[in-house]
C-alpha cells in the first residue's frame, strides 16, 4: 500500500494544477485567454492597446475609451475550437502494459470547443470623462482525457468557468493624452478529475473549488501626430484564495500525513499573472491602416504553491513556467463606405516548454494567422466577423525526473499535436444621438 500512497500523492499534486492554475479554455499561452473582441481577433490583437480592437480595446487598455464618443456597446460571441492529442512513446506503452495500465493515445482532448462571450460598454460623461464596463474571461482551460488513455494519470477532466467584470473610468487630459483605470472583479469555478495509480484500477480523485479575486487595470494613450495612436495597458496580478473540496477513493500520502478516502475541504492561495500590453496604430491614408502589438505576461510567478487540507498542507504544486509574450502585426482596408477588411499575423512564445509540459496542458509556441471584416449595418449599428488559426508544432512531453514538476514516481514520455480555430462575431451599437460631443481643445 505504501507504493500506492507514493504514486497517489503525485497524481493528487497534478490535479492541484487545476486548483491553482487552470481557469478556462487556454489560447493565449498557458491558461490565458485573449479573445475580447472580434476586431481584435481579426487582427491577431495587433494594436489592441491603441484602439485597434474597436470598443473591445478597453479590455486591454481602459484609456482607449476616449476614442469612442457618446454611449456605445459591443458584444462578441467567440467559438474557440482547440484540437489536441497526446500520444505515449513506445517505451511508455511498454512500461504501462507491464503495469497493467492503459496505453492508448488520448484522442482529441479539446472536448469540441466552447463559446467565450465578451461585452464592453462605454459612456461619455463629458468632453473629458468616460465611464466604462467590460465583462470577459482573461483565463481559461477545458480539457478531457479519456480514462483509458495512458495520459489519464496526469489529468482527466478539467472544466472551469471564469468571469471578469471591470468597471473603468477614462480621462482625456488633452487632444494627445488620455488616461484610464479600472477595478477588476474576477470569479472562477473549477471541476477536475484525475486517475490515481495503475496499481488500483478505477482509483480516482475529484476537486471542486471557486474563488473571488480583485485587481486593477491602468492605461494611457498618446496621439502625437494626426492618424497615430500609441497605447499602453497594464492588468494587475489577481490574488485568488480558492476554497472547495476534494474526494478520493483510495488513501493518499499528503504533506501532513495520510489523506483517507472520502471528501474533505481544501484551499489554496494563488496569484494569477499580471500583463503588459503595448500597441501602435497608424492611419496611412483614407483607406489603409496598420498596427503593431506586444503583450508580456508574468507567468514566471507560477513556481510553487500548496493546496491545504483540514490538517495542514496536503499537496505541493510546482509549475516553473517562464514568462510569455506575443508580438503581432495587422492591417485594415476600407473597401467601401460600409465595409472594412482586416488581417493579422502573430507569434506567441508559450510559458510552457519541453521541461515542464504535461498532458493536462500541452501548450506550445504558436503562429497566429487572422482575417476579419466589419460592416456598417446602419448609422448606429455595425457587425464584426473574424477567423483565426493557431499553428502549433509537435510538442514533446518528458516526465521522467524531478526536472518536470509533474513527476512523482510515474514516468510518461510522449508527444502532443495541436491547433486552434477561432470564429468570432460582434454586434456594435451606438445608443445616443450621432452628434459628436465636442472635445476640449488645448
Protein backbone atom coordinates (compact mmCIF):
# COMPACT_ATOMS: atom_id res chain seq x y z
CA UNK A 1 0.00 0.00 0.00
CA UNK A 2 2.94 2.41 0.56
CA UNK A 3 3.73 2.40 -3.19
CA UNK A 4 0.11 3.26 -3.89
CA UNK A 5 0.33 6.14 -1.45
CA UNK A 6 3.55 7.44 -3.02
CA UNK A 7 2.18 7.33 -6.57
CA UNK A 8 -1.15 8.71 -5.38
CA UNK A 9 0.28 11.92 -3.97
CA UNK A 10 1.89 12.59 -7.35
CA UNK A 11 -1.42 12.28 -9.14
CA UNK A 12 -3.06 14.44 -6.50
CA UNK A 13 -0.41 17.11 -7.00
CA UNK A 14 -1.19 17.14 -10.71
CA UNK A 15 -4.85 17.72 -10.05
CA UNK A 16 -3.77 20.64 -7.92
CA UNK A 17 -2.58 22.25 -11.15
CA UNK A 18 -6.21 22.87 -11.97
CA UNK A 19 -6.93 24.13 -8.47
CA UNK A 20 -4.06 26.59 -8.53
CA UNK A 21 -3.84 27.50 -12.18
CA UNK A 22 -6.22 26.18 -14.83
CA UNK A 23 -9.04 28.67 -15.13
CA UNK A 24 -10.85 28.16 -18.59
CA UNK A 25 -10.01 27.40 -22.40
CA UNK A 26 -6.39 28.39 -22.86
CA UNK A 27 -5.41 30.10 -26.12
CA UNK A 28 -3.05 32.89 -25.05
CA UNK A 29 -0.16 30.96 -23.55
CA UNK A 30 -0.58 28.51 -20.65
CA UNK A 31 -4.18 29.04 -19.48
CA UNK A 32 -4.59 32.64 -20.65
CA UNK A 33 -7.28 33.99 -22.98
CA UNK A 34 -7.07 36.92 -25.37
CA UNK A 35 -10.47 36.77 -27.10
CA UNK A 36 -12.08 40.04 -26.03
CA UNK A 37 -13.41 41.29 -29.38
CA UNK A 38 -13.95 40.16 -32.97
CA UNK A 39 -11.94 43.12 -34.27
CA UNK A 40 -9.05 42.14 -32.02
CA UNK A 41 -9.21 38.51 -33.16
CA UNK A 42 -9.30 39.56 -36.82
CA UNK A 43 -6.03 41.48 -36.43
CA UNK A 44 -4.26 38.97 -34.10
CA UNK A 45 -4.54 41.60 -31.31
CA UNK A 46 -2.22 43.95 -33.19
CA UNK A 47 -2.60 47.46 -31.81
CA UNK A 48 -5.34 46.38 -29.40
CA UNK A 49 -3.92 48.56 -26.63
CA UNK A 50 -4.07 51.52 -29.04
CA UNK A 51 -7.74 51.19 -30.00
CA UNK A 52 -7.30 48.87 -32.98
CA UNK A 53 -9.68 46.25 -31.50
CA UNK A 54 -12.70 48.57 -31.62
CA UNK A 55 -14.59 49.11 -28.39
CA UNK A 56 -13.09 45.81 -27.21
CA UNK A 57 -9.78 47.68 -26.87
CA UNK A 58 -10.83 48.84 -23.41
CA UNK A 59 -10.30 45.25 -22.21
CA UNK A 60 -6.58 45.74 -22.91
CA UNK A 61 -6.37 49.45 -22.13
CA UNK A 62 -9.16 51.44 -20.40
CA UNK A 63 -7.76 54.73 -21.72
CA UNK A 64 -8.91 53.83 -25.26
CA UNK A 65 -12.49 54.65 -24.17
CA UNK A 66 -11.78 58.26 -25.13
CA UNK A 67 -11.67 57.12 -28.79
CA UNK A 68 -15.42 56.37 -28.70
CA UNK A 69 -17.91 59.22 -28.50
CA UNK A 70 -21.30 59.02 -26.80
CA UNK A 71 -22.91 55.83 -25.48
CA UNK A 72 -21.66 52.66 -27.21
CA UNK A 73 -21.78 48.92 -26.58
CA UNK A 74 -20.15 45.89 -28.17
CA UNK A 75 -20.97 42.23 -27.64
CA UNK A 76 -18.76 39.44 -29.01
CA UNK A 77 -19.57 35.74 -29.31
CA UNK A 78 -16.42 33.72 -29.92
CA UNK A 79 -16.21 29.99 -30.65
CA UNK A 80 -12.83 28.54 -29.67
CA UNK A 81 -12.21 25.08 -31.11
CA UNK A 82 -8.90 23.58 -29.96
CA UNK A 83 -7.73 20.26 -31.35
CA UNK A 84 -5.04 18.46 -29.36
CA UNK A 85 -3.99 14.90 -28.71
CA UNK A 86 -1.29 13.27 -26.60
CA UNK A 87 0.46 10.10 -27.78
CA UNK A 88 2.68 7.99 -25.47
CA UNK A 89 6.07 6.83 -26.74
CA UNK A 90 6.78 3.15 -27.45
CA UNK A 91 8.76 2.95 -24.20
CA UNK A 92 5.85 4.37 -22.19
CA UNK A 93 3.44 1.95 -23.85
CA UNK A 94 5.71 -0.96 -22.89
CA UNK A 95 6.10 0.28 -19.29
CA UNK A 96 2.37 0.84 -18.80
CA UNK A 97 1.45 -2.54 -20.32
CA UNK A 98 3.70 -4.22 -17.71
CA UNK A 99 1.87 -2.24 -15.00
CA UNK A 100 -1.50 -3.27 -16.38
CA UNK A 101 -2.29 0.39 -17.08
CA UNK A 102 -3.97 1.94 -20.17
CA UNK A 103 -1.59 2.51 -23.06
CA UNK A 104 -3.65 4.31 -25.72
CA UNK A 105 -3.35 7.86 -27.03
CA UNK A 106 -5.82 10.40 -25.74
CA UNK A 107 -7.66 11.28 -28.92
CA UNK A 108 -8.84 14.89 -29.06
CA UNK A 109 -8.66 16.42 -25.58
CA UNK A 110 -10.20 19.74 -26.68
CA UNK A 111 -13.73 18.50 -25.94
CA UNK A 112 -15.15 20.10 -29.09
CA UNK A 113 -14.59 23.69 -28.02
CA UNK A 114 -16.87 26.25 -26.40
CA UNK A 115 -18.29 29.78 -26.63
CA UNK A 116 -16.48 32.64 -24.89
CA UNK A 117 -18.65 35.80 -24.77
CA UNK A 118 -17.37 39.30 -24.04
CA UNK A 119 -19.11 42.64 -23.60
CA UNK A 120 -17.89 46.25 -23.47
CA UNK A 121 -19.82 49.42 -22.60
CA UNK A 122 -18.55 53.00 -22.91
CA UNK A 123 -20.46 56.11 -21.87
CA UNK A 124 -19.14 59.63 -22.44
CA UNK A 125 -19.97 61.73 -19.39
CA UNK A 126 -18.49 64.98 -20.74
CA UNK A 127 -15.90 66.21 -23.18
CA UNK A 128 -13.20 64.84 -20.84
CA UNK A 129 -14.66 61.94 -18.82
CA UNK A 130 -15.79 58.44 -19.86
CA UNK A 131 -17.32 55.62 -17.81
CA UNK A 132 -16.93 52.01 -18.99
CA UNK A 133 -17.56 48.37 -18.19
CA UNK A 134 -16.10 45.12 -19.54
CA UNK A 135 -17.27 41.56 -18.92
CA UNK A 136 -14.95 38.85 -20.24
CA UNK A 137 -12.67 35.92 -19.32
CA UNK A 138 -8.89 36.58 -19.13
CA UNK A 139 -8.09 32.97 -18.17
CA UNK A 140 -9.44 29.57 -19.12
CA UNK A 141 -8.96 25.87 -19.87
CA UNK A 142 -11.21 22.95 -20.78
CA UNK A 143 -9.62 19.56 -21.50
CA UNK A 144 -10.91 15.98 -21.37
CA UNK A 145 -8.60 12.94 -21.34
CA UNK A 146 -10.24 9.53 -21.57
CA UNK A 147 -9.71 7.24 -18.53
CA UNK A 148 -8.43 4.52 -20.90
CA UNK A 149 -5.55 6.74 -22.10
CA UNK A 150 -2.04 6.43 -20.67
CA UNK A 151 -2.04 10.19 -20.00
CA UNK A 152 -5.06 9.87 -17.67
CA UNK A 153 -2.70 9.54 -14.69
CA UNK A 154 -1.66 13.13 -15.37
CA UNK A 155 -5.20 14.53 -15.58
CA UNK A 156 -8.59 13.51 -16.98
CA UNK A 157 -11.29 16.22 -16.92
CA UNK A 158 -10.72 19.91 -16.35
CA UNK A 159 -13.71 22.24 -16.63
CA UNK A 160 -13.60 25.79 -15.33
CA UNK A 161 -15.84 28.84 -15.73
CA UNK A 162 -14.10 32.21 -15.42
CA UNK A 163 -15.81 35.63 -15.37
CA UNK A 164 -14.10 39.01 -15.07
CA UNK A 165 -16.08 42.24 -14.54
CA UNK A 166 -14.19 45.56 -14.76
CA UNK A 167 -15.86 48.94 -14.26
CA UNK A 168 -13.49 51.65 -15.51
CA UNK A 169 -13.00 55.38 -15.89
CA UNK A 170 -11.06 57.33 -18.53
CA UNK A 171 -9.96 60.97 -18.61
CA UNK A 172 -8.98 62.90 -21.73
CA UNK A 173 -6.27 65.24 -20.49
CA UNK A 174 -5.99 66.95 -23.89
CA UNK A 175 -6.13 66.08 -27.58
CA UNK A 176 -3.00 63.93 -27.41
CA UNK A 177 -3.10 62.29 -23.94
CA UNK A 178 -5.73 60.10 -22.26
CA UNK A 179 -5.55 58.11 -19.02
CA UNK A 180 -7.69 55.21 -17.80
CA UNK A 181 -8.14 52.91 -14.80
CA UNK A 182 -10.44 50.04 -13.89
CA UNK A 183 -11.26 47.75 -10.95
CA UNK A 184 -11.12 44.03 -11.79
CA UNK A 185 -13.59 41.72 -10.04
CA UNK A 186 -12.76 38.14 -11.02
CA UNK A 187 -14.61 34.90 -10.25
CA UNK A 188 -13.74 31.37 -11.29
CA UNK A 189 -15.19 27.96 -10.58
CA UNK A 190 -13.48 24.65 -11.34
CA UNK A 191 -14.24 20.94 -11.58
CA UNK A 192 -11.39 18.48 -12.21
CA UNK A 193 -10.93 14.71 -12.11
CA UNK A 194 -7.86 12.52 -12.16
CA UNK A 195 -6.92 8.85 -12.33
CA UNK A 196 -4.52 8.00 -9.48
CA UNK A 197 -2.47 4.83 -9.80
CA UNK A 198 -2.37 1.79 -12.11
CA UNK A 199 -1.96 -0.38 -9.00
CA UNK A 200 -5.61 0.24 -8.11
CA UNK A 201 -7.80 0.16 -11.25
CA UNK A 202 -10.58 2.71 -11.03
CA UNK A 203 -8.80 4.83 -8.41
CA UNK A 204 -9.79 8.45 -8.92
CA UNK A 205 -9.74 11.89 -7.44
CA UNK A 206 -12.01 14.90 -7.95
CA UNK A 207 -11.50 18.52 -6.91
CA UNK A 208 -14.07 21.34 -6.89
CA UNK A 209 -13.40 24.90 -5.85
CA UNK A 210 -14.14 28.55 -6.50
CA UNK A 211 -12.79 31.95 -5.60
CA UNK A 212 -13.17 35.71 -5.95
CA UNK A 213 -10.19 37.94 -6.70
CA UNK A 214 -9.77 41.70 -7.05
CA UNK A 215 -7.23 43.57 -9.17
CA UNK A 216 -6.96 46.64 -11.35
CA UNK A 217 -6.21 47.89 -14.86
CA UNK A 218 -4.31 51.02 -15.87
CA UNK A 219 -3.72 52.58 -19.27
CA UNK A 220 -2.72 55.57 -21.32
CA UNK A 221 -2.91 56.61 -24.96
CA UNK A 222 -0.79 59.14 -26.83
CA UNK A 223 -1.66 60.77 -30.16
CA UNK A 224 1.48 62.72 -31.11
CA UNK A 225 0.59 63.07 -34.80
CA UNK A 226 -2.54 63.01 -36.93
CA UNK A 227 -3.60 59.41 -37.53
CA UNK A 228 -1.14 57.98 -34.97
CA UNK A 229 -2.10 56.40 -31.65
CA UNK A 230 0.18 54.71 -29.13
CA UNK A 231 -1.25 52.88 -26.13
CA UNK A 232 -0.02 51.04 -23.04
CA UNK A 233 -2.27 48.92 -20.83
CA UNK A 234 -1.48 47.07 -17.61
CA UNK A 235 -3.56 44.35 -15.93
CA UNK A 236 -2.54 43.67 -12.33
CA UNK A 237 -1.94 40.37 -10.59
CA UNK A 238 -5.03 38.68 -9.12
CA UNK A 239 -4.80 37.04 -5.72
CA UNK A 240 -7.16 34.05 -5.62
CA UNK A 241 -7.90 32.26 -2.32
CA UNK A 242 -9.53 29.13 -3.66
CA UNK A 243 -11.73 27.03 -1.39
CA UNK A 244 -13.67 23.87 -2.15
CA UNK A 245 -13.50 20.14 -1.60
CA UNK A 246 -11.53 17.12 -2.71
CA UNK A 247 -12.60 13.49 -2.87
CA UNK A 248 -10.55 10.34 -3.38
CA UNK A 249 -11.46 6.65 -3.27
CA UNK A 250 -8.04 5.39 -2.01
CA UNK A 251 -5.71 6.59 0.78
CA UNK A 252 -3.01 9.02 -0.33
CA UNK A 253 0.10 10.25 1.45
CA UNK A 254 -0.03 14.05 1.80
CA UNK A 255 2.39 16.61 3.22
CA UNK A 256 0.73 16.45 6.65
CA UNK A 257 0.03 12.73 6.74
CA UNK A 258 -2.31 10.20 5.17
CA UNK A 259 -5.34 11.53 3.26
CA UNK A 260 -8.10 8.97 3.80
CA UNK A 261 -10.76 8.07 1.22
CA UNK A 262 -13.77 10.37 1.23
CA UNK A 263 -14.45 14.06 0.92
CA UNK A 264 -12.65 16.89 2.68
CA UNK A 265 -12.32 20.66 2.32
CA UNK A 266 -9.24 22.18 0.65
CA UNK A 267 -7.89 25.65 -0.03
CA UNK A 268 -5.02 27.29 -1.87
CA UNK A 269 -3.66 30.80 -2.26
CA UNK A 270 -2.64 31.54 -5.83
CA UNK A 271 -1.52 34.68 -7.65
CA UNK A 272 -2.63 34.94 -11.28
CA UNK A 273 -0.15 36.80 -13.51
CA UNK A 274 -0.11 40.46 -14.43
CA UNK A 275 0.13 41.52 -18.07
CA UNK A 276 1.55 44.47 -20.02
CA UNK A 277 0.09 45.35 -23.44
CA UNK A 278 1.65 47.85 -25.86
CA UNK A 279 0.02 48.91 -29.12
CA UNK A 280 0.62 51.25 -32.04
CA UNK A 281 -1.72 52.04 -34.89
CA UNK A 282 -1.21 54.36 -37.85
CA UNK A 283 -3.75 55.52 -40.40
CA UNK A 284 -1.75 55.60 -43.63
CA UNK A 285 -4.49 57.20 -45.75
CA UNK A 286 -8.28 57.28 -46.04
CA UNK A 287 -8.39 53.55 -46.81
CA UNK A 288 -5.39 51.85 -45.19
CA UNK A 289 -4.35 51.49 -41.54
CA UNK A 290 -1.56 49.44 -39.96
CA UNK A 291 -0.94 48.29 -36.38
CA UNK A 292 1.63 46.59 -34.16
CA UNK A 293 1.14 44.90 -30.81
CA UNK A 294 3.15 43.39 -27.98
CA UNK A 295 1.97 41.57 -24.84
CA UNK A 296 4.08 40.34 -21.96
CA UNK A 297 2.60 38.09 -19.28
CA UNK A 298 4.28 37.44 -15.94
CA UNK A 299 3.89 33.64 -15.95
CA UNK A 300 7.13 33.13 -14.01
CA UNK A 301 5.01 33.85 -10.91
CA UNK A 302 3.98 30.22 -11.21
CA UNK A 303 6.71 28.49 -9.23
CA UNK A 304 5.33 26.52 -6.27
CA UNK A 305 2.11 26.58 -4.25
CA UNK A 306 0.48 24.36 -1.64
CA UNK A 307 -3.06 23.02 -1.51
CA UNK A 308 -4.08 22.85 2.15
CA UNK A 309 -6.44 20.34 3.77
CA UNK A 310 -8.13 20.38 7.20
CA UNK A 311 -4.91 19.24 8.94
CA UNK A 312 -2.37 21.44 7.19
CA UNK A 313 -0.56 21.40 3.84
CA UNK A 314 -1.72 18.47 1.73
CA UNK A 315 -0.18 18.84 -1.73
CA UNK A 316 2.89 20.62 -3.11
CA UNK A 317 2.31 22.26 -6.50
CA UNK A 318 5.22 23.08 -8.79
CA UNK A 319 4.98 24.57 -12.30
CA UNK A 320 8.12 26.59 -13.03
CA UNK A 321 6.63 28.46 -16.00
CA UNK A 322 8.61 31.06 -17.93
CA UNK A 323 7.28 34.50 -18.81
CA UNK A 324 5.30 34.53 -22.06
CA UNK A 325 4.94 37.11 -24.81
CA UNK A 326 3.03 37.79 -28.02
CA UNK A 327 4.06 40.03 -30.91
CA UNK A 328 1.71 40.78 -33.81
CA UNK A 329 1.17 42.99 -36.83
CA UNK A 330 -2.04 43.83 -38.64
CA UNK A 331 -3.59 45.97 -41.35
CA UNK A 332 -7.07 47.08 -42.33
CA UNK A 333 -8.50 48.30 -45.64
CA UNK A 334 -11.68 50.34 -46.09
CA UNK A 335 -13.27 48.57 -49.06
CA UNK A 336 -16.17 50.99 -49.35
CA UNK A 337 -18.29 53.28 -47.18
CA UNK A 338 -19.74 50.31 -45.25
CA UNK A 339 -17.08 47.57 -45.40
CA UNK A 340 -13.65 47.31 -43.77
CA UNK A 341 -11.36 44.29 -44.22
CA UNK A 342 -8.53 43.37 -41.88
CA UNK A 343 -5.81 40.75 -41.35
CA UNK A 344 -3.15 39.99 -38.78
CA UNK A 345 -0.16 37.76 -38.12
CA UNK A 346 1.33 36.96 -34.73
CA UNK A 347 3.86 34.81 -32.94
CA UNK A 348 3.45 33.76 -29.32
CA UNK A 349 6.13 32.38 -27.02
CA UNK A 350 4.46 29.95 -24.62
CA UNK A 351 5.48 29.98 -20.94
CA UNK A 352 5.43 26.16 -21.06
CA UNK A 353 8.45 24.43 -22.57
CA UNK A 354 9.68 20.85 -23.06
CA UNK A 355 10.96 20.66 -19.48
CA UNK A 356 7.66 21.33 -17.66
CA UNK A 357 4.99 20.31 -20.20
CA UNK A 358 2.25 17.85 -19.06
CA UNK A 359 -0.63 16.08 -20.85
CA UNK A 360 -3.21 18.18 -18.98
CA UNK A 361 -1.90 21.39 -20.57
CA UNK A 362 0.39 20.51 -23.53
CA UNK A 363 0.85 24.15 -24.56
CA UNK A 364 3.40 25.14 -27.21
CA UNK A 365 4.67 28.19 -29.12
CA UNK A 366 2.35 29.14 -31.94
CA UNK A 367 1.94 31.22 -35.11
CA UNK A 368 -1.38 33.07 -35.39
CA UNK A 369 -2.97 33.92 -38.76
CA UNK A 370 -6.13 36.01 -38.67
CA UNK A 371 -8.73 37.54 -41.00
CA UNK A 372 -11.68 39.82 -40.26
CA UNK A 373 -14.22 42.25 -41.61
CA UNK A 374 -16.60 44.95 -40.36
CA UNK A 375 -19.86 46.00 -42.00
CA UNK A 376 -21.91 49.11 -41.15
CA UNK A 377 -25.49 47.84 -40.95
CA UNK A 378 -26.95 51.27 -40.22
CA UNK A 379 -25.86 54.65 -38.94
CA UNK A 380 -25.82 53.25 -35.40
CA UNK A 381 -25.11 49.54 -35.81
CA UNK A 382 -22.17 47.57 -37.19
CA UNK A 383 -21.19 43.90 -37.41
CA UNK A 384 -17.70 42.42 -36.98
CA UNK A 385 -16.63 38.96 -38.15
CA UNK A 386 -13.27 37.27 -37.58
CA UNK A 387 -11.43 33.98 -38.01
CA UNK A 388 -8.01 32.99 -36.72
CA UNK A 389 -5.96 29.79 -36.79
CA UNK A 390 -3.15 28.83 -34.42
CA UNK A 391 -0.37 26.75 -35.96
CA UNK A 392 1.34 24.72 -33.23
CA UNK A 393 4.28 22.35 -33.89
CA UNK A 394 4.57 18.96 -32.21
CA UNK A 395 5.44 19.34 -28.52
CA UNK A 396 7.49 16.85 -26.51
CA UNK A 397 6.37 15.60 -23.10
CA UNK A 398 9.12 14.19 -20.89
CA UNK A 399 8.03 13.31 -17.35
CA UNK A 400 10.92 11.12 -16.23
CA UNK A 401 12.60 13.03 -13.41
CA UNK A 402 12.02 15.85 -10.94
CA UNK A 403 13.12 18.29 -13.66
CA UNK A 404 9.45 18.12 -14.63
CA UNK A 405 7.32 19.14 -11.63
CA UNK A 406 4.66 16.58 -12.66
CA UNK A 407 6.99 13.66 -11.92
CA UNK A 408 6.12 11.90 -8.67
CA UNK A 409 7.36 8.37 -9.38
CA UNK A 410 5.38 7.50 -12.53
CA UNK A 411 7.07 8.31 -15.85
CA UNK A 412 5.47 9.41 -19.09
CA UNK A 413 7.23 10.17 -22.37
CA UNK A 414 5.23 11.19 -25.41
CA UNK A 415 4.26 14.00 -27.72
CA UNK A 416 1.35 16.35 -28.27
CA UNK A 417 -0.06 17.70 -31.51
CA UNK A 418 -2.50 20.56 -31.63
CA UNK A 419 -4.04 23.52 -33.39
CA UNK A 420 -6.79 26.03 -32.65
CA UNK A 421 -9.55 27.51 -34.79
CA UNK A 422 -11.40 30.61 -33.58
CA UNK A 423 -14.52 32.17 -35.10
CA UNK A 424 -15.97 35.37 -33.68
CA UNK A 425 -18.89 37.70 -34.33
CA UNK A 426 -19.61 41.03 -32.63
CA UNK A 427 -22.51 43.47 -32.78
CA UNK A 428 -21.70 47.10 -32.02
CA UNK A 429 -24.35 49.73 -31.25
CA UNK A 430 -24.38 53.49 -30.69
CA UNK A 431 -27.30 54.31 -28.37
CA UNK A 432 -27.30 58.08 -28.25
CA UNK A 433 -27.67 60.76 -30.93
CA UNK A 434 -24.90 60.69 -33.51
CA UNK A 435 -23.87 64.29 -32.96
CA UNK A 436 -20.37 64.19 -31.54
CA UNK A 437 -19.74 65.82 -28.18
CA UNK A 438 -17.13 68.47 -28.98
CA UNK A 439 -13.87 67.69 -27.23
CA UNK A 440 -11.97 70.40 -25.42
CA UNK A 441 -9.15 71.91 -27.43
CA UNK A 442 -5.77 72.76 -25.94
